[in-house]
């Protein structure tokens, strides 16, 4: 898992504390170029690229910090999305 930010810092704070004004998009709402959190690990903040692991579920694209998270989500997406 690739997480960024400091311990004790929320994902939203991490996204804006880097000096940028990027808005953190929720899992399932992010697009390429957006900052988001992993749909499995909310402390993993990253910018979505064309090669970011992803899973399509119920018409939304969920991006992940690593292929293992994408695989776990794909096996049981209903456990993670309400």
PDB file of N, CA and C in Angstrom:
ATOM      1  N   UNK A   1       0.849  -1.165   0.000  1.00  0.00           N
ATOM      2  CA  UNK A   1       0.000   0.000   0.000  1.00  0.00           C
ATOM      3  C   UNK A   1       0.893   1.224   0.000  1.00  0.00           C
ATOM      4  N   UNK A   2       0.553   2.199  -0.800  1.00  0.00           N
ATOM      5  CA  UNK A   2       1.321   3.434  -0.882  1.00  0.00           C
ATOM      6  C   UNK A   2       0.504   4.559  -0.283  1.00  0.00           C
ATOM      7  N   UNK A   3       0.865   4.966   0.911  1.00  0.00           N
ATOM      8  CA  UNK A   3       0.138   6.050   1.576  1.00  0.00           C
ATOM      9  C   UNK A   3       1.026   7.265   1.643  1.00  0.00           C
ATOM     10  N   UNK A   4       0.392   8.420   1.646  1.00  0.00           N
ATOM     11  CA  UNK A   4       1.163   9.635   1.810  1.00  0.00           C
ATOM     12  C   UNK A   4       0.537  10.457   2.906  1.00  0.00           C
ATOM     13  N   UNK A   5       1.252  11.462   3.364  1.00  0.00           N
ATOM     14  CA  UNK A   5       0.762  12.275   4.464  1.00  0.00           C
ATOM     15  C   UNK A   5       1.436  11.846   5.739  1.00  0.00           C
ATOM     16  N   UNK A   6       1.274  12.644   6.781  1.00  0.00           N
ATOM     17  CA  UNK A   6       1.895  12.368   8.067  1.00  0.00           C
ATOM     18  C   UNK A   6       0.910  11.669   8.975  1.00  0.00           C
ATOM     19  N   UNK A   7       1.443  10.886   9.929  1.00  0.00           N
ATOM     20  CA  UNK A   7       0.581  10.239  10.905  1.00  0.00           C
ATOM     21  C   UNK A   7      -0.184  11.308  11.654  1.00  0.00           C
ATOM     22  N   UNK A   8      -1.460  11.067  11.867  1.00  0.00           N
ATOM     23  CA  UNK A   8      -2.276  12.032  12.586  1.00  0.00           C
ATOM     24  C   UNK A   8      -2.850  13.119  11.706  1.00  0.00           C
ATOM     25  N   UNK A   9      -2.545  13.092  10.426  1.00  0.00           N
ATOM     26  CA  UNK A   9      -3.060  14.085   9.492  1.00  0.00           C
ATOM     27  C   UNK A   9      -4.150  13.427   8.666  1.00  0.00           C
ATOM     28  N   UNK A  10      -5.307  14.078   8.569  1.00  0.00           N
ATOM     29  CA  UNK A  10      -6.400  13.494   7.794  1.00  0.00           C
ATOM     30  C   UNK A  10      -6.081  13.553   6.311  1.00  0.00           C
ATOM     31  N   UNK A  11      -6.804  12.762   5.539  1.00  0.00           N
ATOM     32  CA  UNK A  11      -6.600  12.733   4.090  1.00  0.00           C
ATOM     33  C   UNK A  11      -6.842  14.108   3.484  1.00  0.00           C
ATOM     34  N   UNK A  12      -7.874  14.791   3.928  1.00  0.00           N
ATOM     35  CA  UNK A  12      -8.171  16.117   3.383  1.00  0.00           C
ATOM     36  C   UNK A  12      -7.067  17.104   3.722  1.00  0.00           C
ATOM     37  N   UNK A  13      -6.551  17.027   4.944  1.00  0.00           N
ATOM     38  CA  UNK A  13      -5.452  17.913   5.327  1.00  0.00           C
ATOM     39  C   UNK A  13      -4.209  17.600   4.509  1.00  0.00           C
ATOM     40  N   UNK A  14      -3.937  16.314   4.272  1.00  0.00           N
ATOM     41  CA  UNK A  14      -2.774  15.925   3.485  1.00  0.00           C
ATOM     42  C   UNK A  14      -2.858  16.479   2.081  1.00  0.00           C
ATOM     43  N   UNK A  15      -4.049  16.473   1.502  1.00  0.00           N
ATOM     44  CA  UNK A  15      -4.219  16.932   0.131  1.00  0.00           C
ATOM     45  C   UNK A  15      -3.957  18.419   0.003  1.00  0.00           C
ATOM     46  N   UNK A  16      -4.284  19.183   1.021  1.00  0.00           N
ATOM     47  CA  UNK A  16      -4.107  20.619   0.921  1.00  0.00           C
ATOM     48  C   UNK A  16      -2.836  21.104   1.600  1.00  0.00           C
ATOM     49  N   UNK A  17      -2.233  20.308   2.469  1.00  0.00           N
ATOM     50  CA  UNK A  17      -1.040  20.764   3.179  1.00  0.00           C
ATOM     51  C   UNK A  17       0.209  20.714   2.314  1.00  0.00           C
ATOM     52  N   UNK A  18       0.115  20.128   1.132  1.00  0.00           N
ATOM     53  CA  UNK A  18       1.272  20.047   0.248  1.00  0.00           C
ATOM     54  C   UNK A  18       1.494  21.356  -0.501  1.00  0.00           C
ATOM     55  N   UNK A  19       0.692  22.369  -0.167  1.00  0.00           N
ATOM     56  CA  UNK A  19       0.866  23.656  -0.810  1.00  0.00           C
ATOM     57  C   UNK A  19      -0.080  23.877  -1.959  1.00  0.00           C
ATOM     58  N   UNK A  20      -0.753  22.817  -2.412  1.00  0.00           N
ATOM     59  CA  UNK A  20      -1.691  22.950  -3.514  1.00  0.00           C
ATOM     60  C   UNK A  20      -3.082  23.251  -3.003  1.00  0.00           C
ATOM     61  N   UNK A  21      -3.941  23.571  -3.928  1.00  0.00           N
ATOM     62  CA  UNK A  21      -5.317  23.841  -3.556  1.00  0.00           C
ATOM     63  C   UNK A  21      -6.234  22.771  -4.120  1.00  0.00           C
ATOM     64  N   UNK A  22      -5.663  21.614  -4.440  1.00  0.00           N
ATOM     65  CA  UNK A  22      -6.439  20.531  -5.029  1.00  0.00           C
ATOM     66  C   UNK A  22      -7.520  20.073  -4.065  1.00  0.00           C
ATOM     67  N   UNK A  23      -8.713  19.881  -4.606  1.00  0.00           N
ATOM     68  CA  UNK A  23      -9.820  19.367  -3.825  1.00  0.00           C
ATOM     69  C   UNK A  23      -9.739  17.854  -3.833  1.00  0.00           C
ATOM     70  N   UNK A  24      -9.894  17.258  -2.683  1.00  0.00           N
ATOM     71  CA  UNK A  24      -9.854  15.813  -2.565  1.00  0.00           C
ATOM     72  C   UNK A  24     -11.206  15.247  -2.985  1.00  0.00           C
ATOM     73  N   UNK A  25     -11.205  14.399  -4.003  1.00  0.00           N
ATOM     74  CA  UNK A  25     -12.433  13.781  -4.506  1.00  0.00           C
ATOM     75  C   UNK A  25     -12.702  12.481  -3.748  1.00  0.00           C
ATOM     76  N   UNK A  26     -13.948  12.201  -3.505  1.00  0.00           N
ATOM     77  CA  UNK A  26     -14.339  10.978  -2.818  1.00  0.00           C
ATOM     78  C   UNK A  26     -14.126   9.770  -3.731  1.00  0.00           C
ATOM     79  N   UNK A  27     -13.863   8.589  -3.149  1.00  0.00           N
ATOM     80  CA  UNK A  27     -13.782   7.384  -3.972  1.00  0.00           C
ATOM     81  C   UNK A  27     -15.075   7.223  -4.772  1.00  0.00           C
ATOM     82  N   UNK A  28     -14.947   6.860  -6.022  1.00  0.00           N
ATOM     83  CA  UNK A  28     -16.098   6.714  -6.893  1.00  0.00           C
ATOM     84  C   UNK A  28     -16.471   7.988  -7.621  1.00  0.00           C
ATOM     85  N   UNK A  29     -15.844   9.122  -7.249  1.00  0.00           N
ATOM     86  CA  UNK A  29     -16.108  10.400  -7.917  1.00  0.00           C
ATOM     87  C   UNK A  29     -14.877  10.958  -8.621  1.00  0.00           C
ATOM     88  N   UNK A  30     -13.715  10.392  -8.342  1.00  0.00           N
ATOM     89  CA  UNK A  30     -12.463  10.904  -8.908  1.00  0.00           C
ATOM     90  C   UNK A  30     -12.309  10.512 -10.373  1.00  0.00           C
ATOM     91  N   UNK A  31     -11.572  11.338 -11.082  1.00  0.00           N
ATOM     92  CA  UNK A  31     -11.214  11.108 -12.479  1.00  0.00           C
ATOM     93  C   UNK A  31      -9.699  11.264 -12.605  1.00  0.00           C
ATOM     94  N   UNK A  32      -9.153  10.914 -13.744  1.00  0.00           N
ATOM     95  CA  UNK A  32      -7.716  11.067 -13.962  1.00  0.00           C
ATOM     96  C   UNK A  32      -7.327  12.527 -13.722  1.00  0.00           C
ATOM     97  N   UNK A  33      -6.280  12.712 -12.940  1.00  0.00           N
ATOM     98  CA  UNK A  33      -5.788  14.041 -12.596  1.00  0.00           C
ATOM     99  C   UNK A  33      -6.282  14.539 -11.243  1.00  0.00           C
ATOM    100  N   UNK A  34      -7.319  13.900 -10.699  1.00  0.00           N
ATOM    101  CA  UNK A  34      -7.858  14.299  -9.397  1.00  0.00           C
ATOM    102  C   UNK A  34      -7.081  13.669  -8.259  1.00  0.00           C
ATOM    103  N   UNK A  35      -7.089  14.337  -7.110  1.00  0.00           N
ATOM    104  CA  UNK A  35      -6.575  13.748  -5.876  1.00  0.00           C
ATOM    105  C   UNK A  35      -7.734  13.020  -5.222  1.00  0.00           C
ATOM    106  N   UNK A  36      -7.467  11.817  -4.709  1.00  0.00           N
ATOM    107  CA  UNK A  36      -8.487  11.016  -4.046  1.00  0.00           C
ATOM    108  C   UNK A  36      -7.840  10.155  -2.976  1.00  0.00           C
ATOM    109  N   UNK A  37      -8.672   9.384  -2.312  1.00  0.00           N
ATOM    110  CA  UNK A  37      -8.176   8.392  -1.372  1.00  0.00           C
ATOM    111  C   UNK A  37      -8.502   7.010  -1.916  1.00  0.00           C
ATOM    112  N   UNK A  38      -7.736   6.038  -1.485  1.00  0.00           N
ATOM    113  CA  UNK A  38      -7.994   4.655  -1.862  1.00  0.00           C
ATOM    114  C   UNK A  38      -9.361   4.259  -1.311  1.00  0.00           C
ATOM    115  N   UNK A  39     -10.143   3.544  -2.099  1.00  0.00           N
ATOM    116  CA  UNK A  39     -11.459   3.099  -1.657  1.00  0.00           C
ATOM    117  C   UNK A  39     -11.364   2.072  -0.524  1.00  0.00           C
ATOM    118  N   UNK A  40     -10.173   1.531  -0.295  1.00  0.00           N
ATOM    119  CA  UNK A  40      -9.966   0.554   0.776  1.00  0.00           C
ATOM    120  C   UNK A  40      -9.236   1.151   1.978  1.00  0.00           C
ATOM    121  N   UNK A  41      -8.391   2.139   1.742  1.00  0.00           N
ATOM    122  CA  UNK A  41      -7.573   2.741   2.797  1.00  0.00           C
ATOM    123  C   UNK A  41      -7.709   4.258   2.713  1.00  0.00           C
ATOM    124  N   UNK A  42      -8.560   4.837   3.523  1.00  0.00           N
ATOM    125  CA  UNK A  42      -8.832   6.268   3.428  1.00  0.00           C
ATOM    126  C   UNK A  42      -7.628   7.135   3.773  1.00  0.00           C
ATOM    127  N   UNK A  43      -6.577   6.549   4.333  1.00  0.00           N
ATOM    128  CA  UNK A  43      -5.375   7.330   4.640  1.00  0.00           C
ATOM    129  C   UNK A  43      -4.383   7.357   3.478  1.00  0.00           C
ATOM    130  N   UNK A  44      -4.681   6.637   2.396  1.00  0.00           N
ATOM    131  CA  UNK A  44      -3.805   6.613   1.223  1.00  0.00           C
ATOM    132  C   UNK A  44      -4.301   7.654   0.218  1.00  0.00           C
ATOM    133  N   UNK A  45      -3.640   8.807   0.172  1.00  0.00           N
ATOM    134  CA  UNK A  45      -4.011   9.907  -0.715  1.00  0.00           C
ATOM    135  C   UNK A  45      -3.074   9.889  -1.916  1.00  0.00           C
ATOM    136  N   UNK A  46      -3.644  10.008  -3.126  1.00  0.00           N
ATOM    137  CA  UNK A  46      -2.827   9.983  -4.336  1.00  0.00           C
ATOM    138  C   UNK A  46      -3.550  10.712  -5.451  1.00  0.00           C
ATOM    139  N   UNK A  47      -2.812  11.001  -6.512  1.00  0.00           N
ATOM    140  CA  UNK A  47      -3.387  11.593  -7.717  1.00  0.00           C
ATOM    141  C   UNK A  47      -3.629  10.474  -8.718  1.00  0.00           C
ATOM    142  N   UNK A  48      -4.820  10.408  -9.257  1.00  0.00           N
ATOM    143  CA  UNK A  48      -5.206   9.363 -10.209  1.00  0.00           C
ATOM    144  C   UNK A  48      -4.497   9.584 -11.540  1.00  0.00           C
ATOM    145  N   UNK A  49      -3.903   8.517 -12.070  1.00  0.00           N
ATOM    146  CA  UNK A  49      -3.268   8.538 -13.389  1.00  0.00           C
ATOM    147  C   UNK A  49      -3.922   7.458 -14.246  1.00  0.00           C
ATOM    148  N   UNK A  50      -3.550   7.417 -15.495  1.00  0.00           N
ATOM    149  CA  UNK A  50      -4.104   6.412 -16.406  1.00  0.00           C
ATOM    150  C   UNK A  50      -3.747   4.994 -15.971  1.00  0.00           C
ATOM    151  N   UNK A  51      -2.665   4.835 -15.229  1.00  0.00           N
ATOM    152  CA  UNK A  51      -2.246   3.499 -14.812  1.00  0.00           C
ATOM    153  C   UNK A  51      -2.641   3.154 -13.371  1.00  0.00           C
ATOM    154  N   UNK A  52      -3.396   4.014 -12.706  1.00  0.00           N
ATOM    155  CA  UNK A  52      -3.842   3.735 -11.341  1.00  0.00           C
ATOM    156  C   UNK A  52      -4.795   2.541 -11.356  1.00  0.00           C
ATOM    157  N   UNK A  53      -4.594   1.569 -10.442  1.00  0.00           N
ATOM    158  CA  UNK A  53      -5.516   0.424 -10.391  1.00  0.00           C
ATOM    159  C   UNK A  53      -6.947   0.909 -10.160  1.00  0.00           C
ATOM    160  N   UNK A  54      -7.904   0.291 -10.870  1.00  0.00           N
ATOM    161  CA  UNK A  54      -9.291   0.731 -10.758  1.00  0.00           C
ATOM    162  C   UNK A  54     -10.241  -0.433 -10.940  1.00  0.00           C
ATOM    163  N   UNK A  55     -11.468  -0.241 -10.438  1.00  0.00           N
ATOM    164  CA  UNK A  55     -12.546  -1.212 -10.604  1.00  0.00           C
ATOM    165  C   UNK A  55     -13.816  -0.419 -10.891  1.00  0.00           C
ATOM    166  N   UNK A  56     -14.577  -0.877 -11.895  1.00  0.00           N
ATOM    167  CA  UNK A  56     -15.874  -0.288 -12.217  1.00  0.00           C
ATOM    168  C   UNK A  56     -16.929  -1.026 -11.390  1.00  0.00           C
ATOM    169  N   UNK A  57     -17.798  -0.259 -10.726  1.00  0.00           N
ATOM    170  CA  UNK A  57     -18.868  -0.865  -9.942  1.00  0.00           C
ATOM    171  C   UNK A  57     -20.066   0.071  -9.924  1.00  0.00           C
ATOM    172  N   UNK A  58     -21.209  -0.447 -10.344  1.00  0.00           N
ATOM    173  CA  UNK A  58     -22.465   0.304 -10.374  1.00  0.00           C
ATOM    174  C   UNK A  58     -22.323   1.663 -11.063  1.00  0.00           C
ATOM    175  N   UNK A  59     -21.647   1.676 -12.198  1.00  0.00           N
ATOM    176  CA  UNK A  59     -21.512   2.885 -12.993  1.00  0.00           C
ATOM    177  C   UNK A  59     -20.488   3.879 -12.501  1.00  0.00           C
ATOM    178  N   UNK A  60     -19.724   3.528 -11.493  1.00  0.00           N
ATOM    179  CA  UNK A  60     -18.676   4.408 -10.969  1.00  0.00           C
ATOM    180  C   UNK A  60     -17.324   3.717 -11.063  1.00  0.00           C
ATOM    181  N   UNK A  61     -16.294   4.531 -11.161  1.00  0.00           N
ATOM    182  CA  UNK A  61     -14.933   4.008 -11.192  1.00  0.00           C
ATOM    183  C   UNK A  61     -14.285   4.289  -9.850  1.00  0.00           C
ATOM    184  N   UNK A  62     -13.796   3.248  -9.203  1.00  0.00           N
ATOM    185  CA  UNK A  62     -13.108   3.363  -7.916  1.00  0.00           C
ATOM    186  C   UNK A  62     -11.621   3.126  -8.160  1.00  0.00           C
ATOM    187  N   UNK A  63     -10.782   4.031  -7.643  1.00  0.00           N
ATOM    188  CA  UNK A  63      -9.330   3.933  -7.813  1.00  0.00           C
ATOM    189  C   UNK A  63      -8.698   3.488  -6.507  1.00  0.00           C
ATOM    190  N   UNK A  64      -7.546   2.826  -6.643  1.00  0.00           N
ATOM    191  CA  UNK A  64      -6.903   2.200  -5.490  1.00  0.00           C
ATOM    192  C   UNK A  64      -5.419   2.516  -5.429  1.00  0.00           C
ATOM    193  N   UNK A  65      -4.883   2.429  -4.221  1.00  0.00           N
ATOM    194  CA  UNK A  65      -3.466   2.735  -4.017  1.00  0.00           C
ATOM    195  C   UNK A  65      -2.562   1.620  -4.534  1.00  0.00           C
ATOM    196  N   UNK A  66      -3.112   0.413  -4.698  1.00  0.00           N
ATOM    197  CA  UNK A  66      -2.289  -0.705  -5.156  1.00  0.00           C
ATOM    198  C   UNK A  66      -3.184  -1.779  -5.793  1.00  0.00           C
ATOM    199  N   UNK A  67      -2.606  -2.650  -6.587  1.00  0.00           N
ATOM    200  CA  UNK A  67      -3.387  -3.708  -7.228  1.00  0.00           C
ATOM    201  C   UNK A  67      -4.074  -4.646  -6.229  1.00  0.00           C
ATOM    202  N   UNK A  68      -3.472  -4.876  -5.079  1.00  0.00           N
ATOM    203  CA  UNK A  68      -4.067  -5.758  -4.079  1.00  0.00           C
ATOM    204  C   UNK A  68      -5.385  -5.203  -3.560  1.00  0.00           C
ATOM    205  N   UNK A  69      -5.445  -3.886  -3.353  1.00  0.00           N
ATOM    206  CA  UNK A  69      -6.691  -3.258  -2.904  1.00  0.00           C
ATOM    207  C   UNK A  69      -7.765  -3.391  -3.974  1.00  0.00           C
ATOM    208  N   UNK A  70      -7.402  -3.181  -5.225  1.00  0.00           N
ATOM    209  CA  UNK A  70      -8.358  -3.306  -6.322  1.00  0.00           C
ATOM    210  C   UNK A  70      -8.900  -4.732  -6.393  1.00  0.00           C
ATOM    211  N   UNK A  71      -8.044  -5.710  -6.219  1.00  0.00           N
ATOM    212  CA  UNK A  71      -8.461  -7.112  -6.269  1.00  0.00           C
ATOM    213  C   UNK A  71      -9.416  -7.436  -5.125  1.00  0.00           C
ATOM    214  N   UNK A  72      -9.098  -7.004  -3.920  1.00  0.00           N
ATOM    215  CA  UNK A  72      -9.968  -7.264  -2.769  1.00  0.00           C
ATOM    216  C   UNK A  72     -11.330  -6.611  -2.948  1.00  0.00           C
ATOM    217  N   UNK A  73     -11.339  -5.385  -3.446  1.00  0.00           N
ATOM    218  CA  UNK A  73     -12.587  -4.667  -3.692  1.00  0.00           C
ATOM    219  C   UNK A  73     -13.417  -5.396  -4.745  1.00  0.00           C
ATOM    220  N   UNK A  74     -12.781  -5.800  -5.840  1.00  0.00           N
ATOM    221  CA  UNK A  74     -13.482  -6.461  -6.946  1.00  0.00           C
ATOM    222  C   UNK A  74     -14.139  -7.771  -6.495  1.00  0.00           C
ATOM    223  N   UNK A  75     -13.556  -8.431  -5.527  1.00  0.00           N
ATOM    224  CA  UNK A  75     -14.103  -9.699  -5.042  1.00  0.00           C
ATOM    225  C   UNK A  75     -15.386  -9.494  -4.241  1.00  0.00           C
ATOM    226  N   UNK A  76     -15.516  -8.365  -3.520  1.00  0.00           N
ATOM    227  CA  UNK A  76     -16.681  -8.109  -2.670  1.00  0.00           C
ATOM    228  C   UNK A  76     -16.997  -6.618  -2.607  1.00  0.00           C
ATOM    229  N   UNK A  77     -17.319  -5.972  -3.722  1.00  0.00           N
ATOM    230  CA  UNK A  77     -17.528  -4.520  -3.705  1.00  0.00           C
ATOM    231  C   UNK A  77     -18.663  -4.069  -2.786  1.00  0.00           C
ATOM    232  N   UNK A  78     -19.682  -4.890  -2.650  1.00  0.00           N
ATOM    233  CA  UNK A  78     -20.806  -4.533  -1.790  1.00  0.00           C
ATOM    234  C   UNK A  78     -20.432  -4.389  -0.328  1.00  0.00           C
ATOM    235  N   UNK A  79     -19.326  -5.004   0.078  1.00  0.00           N
ATOM    236  CA  UNK A  79     -18.849  -4.854   1.452  1.00  0.00           C
ATOM    237  C   UNK A  79     -18.237  -3.489   1.710  1.00  0.00           C
ATOM    238  N   UNK A  80     -17.867  -2.766   0.650  1.00  0.00           N
ATOM    239  CA  UNK A  80     -17.132  -1.517   0.799  1.00  0.00           C
ATOM    240  C   UNK A  80     -17.912  -0.288   0.341  1.00  0.00           C
ATOM    241  N   UNK A  81     -18.946  -0.493  -0.482  1.00  0.00           N
ATOM    242  CA  UNK A  81     -19.744   0.609  -0.999  1.00  0.00           C
ATOM    243  C   UNK A  81     -21.155   0.475  -0.452  1.00  0.00           C
ATOM    244  N   UNK A  82     -21.665   1.563   0.084  1.00  0.00           N
ATOM    245  CA  UNK A  82     -23.022   1.531   0.646  1.00  0.00           C
ATOM    246  C   UNK A  82     -24.029   2.023  -0.336  1.00  0.00           C
TER     247      UNK A  82
END
